[in-house]
Amino acid sequence: MKKIDLDKIFGSKCRKKILEKFFLDYESGNNEGFYMRELSRDLYVQINSIKRELDNLSALGILKSKLVSKKKIFTVNKSFFLIEEFKNIFLKNFDPFPELKKYFK
């Protein structure tokens, strides 16, 4: 199956990285969520870009947030009406080999 460039579909690399992380994590059964600094560190993206995209995705209803120990934790909104479609897009386009190569180096 051909892999497509989701950056172009979702408008930015940052937004694509965030959505991919959230939906792959959600599919694995973990919906504990992430905080901004954690995402910035894990995705190698500046915190300002992360904040802007998290705010946009929350406004669209894709993500939701809650305060835990003075930290804002973002999670997938389970009642988002396109949750299955988004999950399937990222699952079908996910390529684990680059991450595996990076891990074993």
Protein backbone atom coordinates (compact mmCIF):
# COMPACT_ATOMS: atom_id res chain seq x y z
CA MET A 1 0.00 0.00 0.00
CA LYS A 2 1.27 3.47 -0.88
CA LYS A 3 2.08 5.84 1.96
CA ILE A 4 0.85 9.42 1.50
CA ASP A 5 2.18 12.68 2.90
CA LEU A 6 -0.27 13.46 5.70
CA ASP A 7 1.48 16.80 6.37
CA LYS A 8 -0.16 18.16 3.25
CA ILE A 9 -3.60 16.87 4.21
CA PHE A 10 -3.52 18.16 7.79
CA GLY A 11 -1.82 21.46 6.98
CA SER A 12 1.38 21.20 8.99
CA LYS A 13 4.00 18.74 10.13
CA CYS A 14 3.39 19.70 13.74
CA ARG A 15 -0.35 19.02 13.56
CA LYS A 16 0.25 15.70 11.79
CA LYS A 17 2.82 14.63 14.41
CA ILE A 18 0.48 15.52 17.27
CA LEU A 19 -2.52 13.75 15.76
CA GLU A 20 -0.44 10.70 14.89
CA LYS A 21 0.90 10.46 18.45
CA PHE A 22 -2.53 10.86 20.01
CA PHE A 23 -4.38 8.44 17.74
CA LEU A 24 -1.71 5.73 17.73
CA ASP A 25 -1.54 5.99 21.51
CA TYR A 26 -5.34 5.89 21.71
CA GLU A 27 -5.43 2.75 19.53
CA SER A 28 -2.93 1.04 21.82
CA GLY A 29 -5.45 1.41 24.65
CA ASN A 30 -3.65 4.23 26.43
CA ASN A 31 -5.67 7.40 26.77
CA GLU A 32 -3.85 8.96 29.73
CA GLY A 33 -2.90 11.90 27.55
CA PHE A 34 0.10 14.17 27.19
CA TYR A 35 1.13 17.56 28.44
CA MET A 36 2.67 20.25 26.23
CA ARG A 37 6.30 19.93 27.29
CA GLU A 38 6.18 16.16 26.94
CA LEU A 39 4.88 16.49 23.38
CA SER A 40 7.47 19.13 22.55
CA ARG A 41 10.26 16.87 23.78
CA ASP A 42 8.93 13.65 22.20
CA LEU A 43 8.11 15.19 18.81
CA TYR A 44 11.11 17.56 18.60
CA VAL A 45 8.82 20.55 18.01
CA GLN A 46 8.94 23.98 19.66
CA ILE A 47 6.56 24.48 22.56
CA ASN A 48 4.87 27.48 20.87
CA SER A 49 3.90 25.36 17.87
CA ILE A 50 2.65 22.58 20.14
CA LYS A 51 0.50 25.01 22.14
CA ARG A 52 -1.01 26.58 19.02
CA GLU A 53 -1.91 23.19 17.51
CA LEU A 54 -3.27 21.77 20.78
CA ASP A 55 -5.48 24.85 21.15
CA ASN A 56 -6.70 24.47 17.54
CA LEU A 57 -7.36 20.74 17.90
CA SER A 58 -9.22 21.32 21.18
CA ALA A 59 -11.36 24.03 19.57
CA LEU A 60 -12.27 21.56 16.81
CA GLY A 61 -13.34 18.99 19.41
CA ILE A 62 -10.70 16.42 18.45
CA LEU A 63 -8.84 16.76 21.74
CA LYS A 64 -9.95 17.74 25.22
CA SER A 65 -7.96 18.88 28.22
CA LYS A 66 -8.02 18.74 32.00
CA LEU A 67 -5.83 20.11 34.79
CA VAL A 68 -3.85 17.55 36.78
CA SER A 69 -1.38 18.82 39.39
CA LYS A 70 -1.29 22.27 37.75
CA LYS A 71 -0.48 20.72 34.36
CA LYS A 72 -2.85 20.75 31.42
CA ILE A 73 -3.18 17.20 30.10
CA PHE A 74 -4.60 16.70 26.59
CA THR A 75 -6.40 13.52 25.53
CA VAL A 76 -8.39 12.30 22.54
CA ASN A 77 -12.02 13.32 22.84
CA LYS A 78 -13.76 9.94 22.85
CA SER A 79 -17.02 11.52 21.73
CA PHE A 80 -15.47 13.15 18.64
CA PHE A 81 -17.66 11.96 15.76
CA LEU A 82 -14.77 11.16 13.37
CA ILE A 83 -12.59 9.32 15.89
CA GLU A 84 -12.61 5.99 14.02
CA GLU A 85 -11.81 7.63 10.69
CA PHE A 86 -8.86 9.56 12.13
CA LYS A 87 -7.57 6.47 13.89
CA ASN A 88 -7.76 4.46 10.67
CA ILE A 89 -5.95 7.14 8.66
CA PHE A 90 -2.99 7.12 11.04
CA LEU A 91 -2.92 3.34 11.44
CA LYS A 92 -2.91 2.76 7.70
CA ASN A 93 -0.17 5.32 7.11
CA PHE A 94 2.08 4.42 10.07
CA ASP A 95 5.54 3.09 9.23
CA PRO A 96 7.32 1.72 12.34
CA PHE A 97 10.67 1.06 10.65
CA PRO A 98 12.27 4.52 10.97
CA GLU A 99 11.57 4.51 14.72
CA LEU A 100 12.92 0.98 15.06
CA LYS A 101 16.09 1.89 13.19
CA LYS A 102 16.57 4.95 15.38
CA TYR A 103 16.03 2.84 18.52
CA PHE A 104 18.58 0.20 17.57
CA LYS A 105 21.34 2.65 16.56
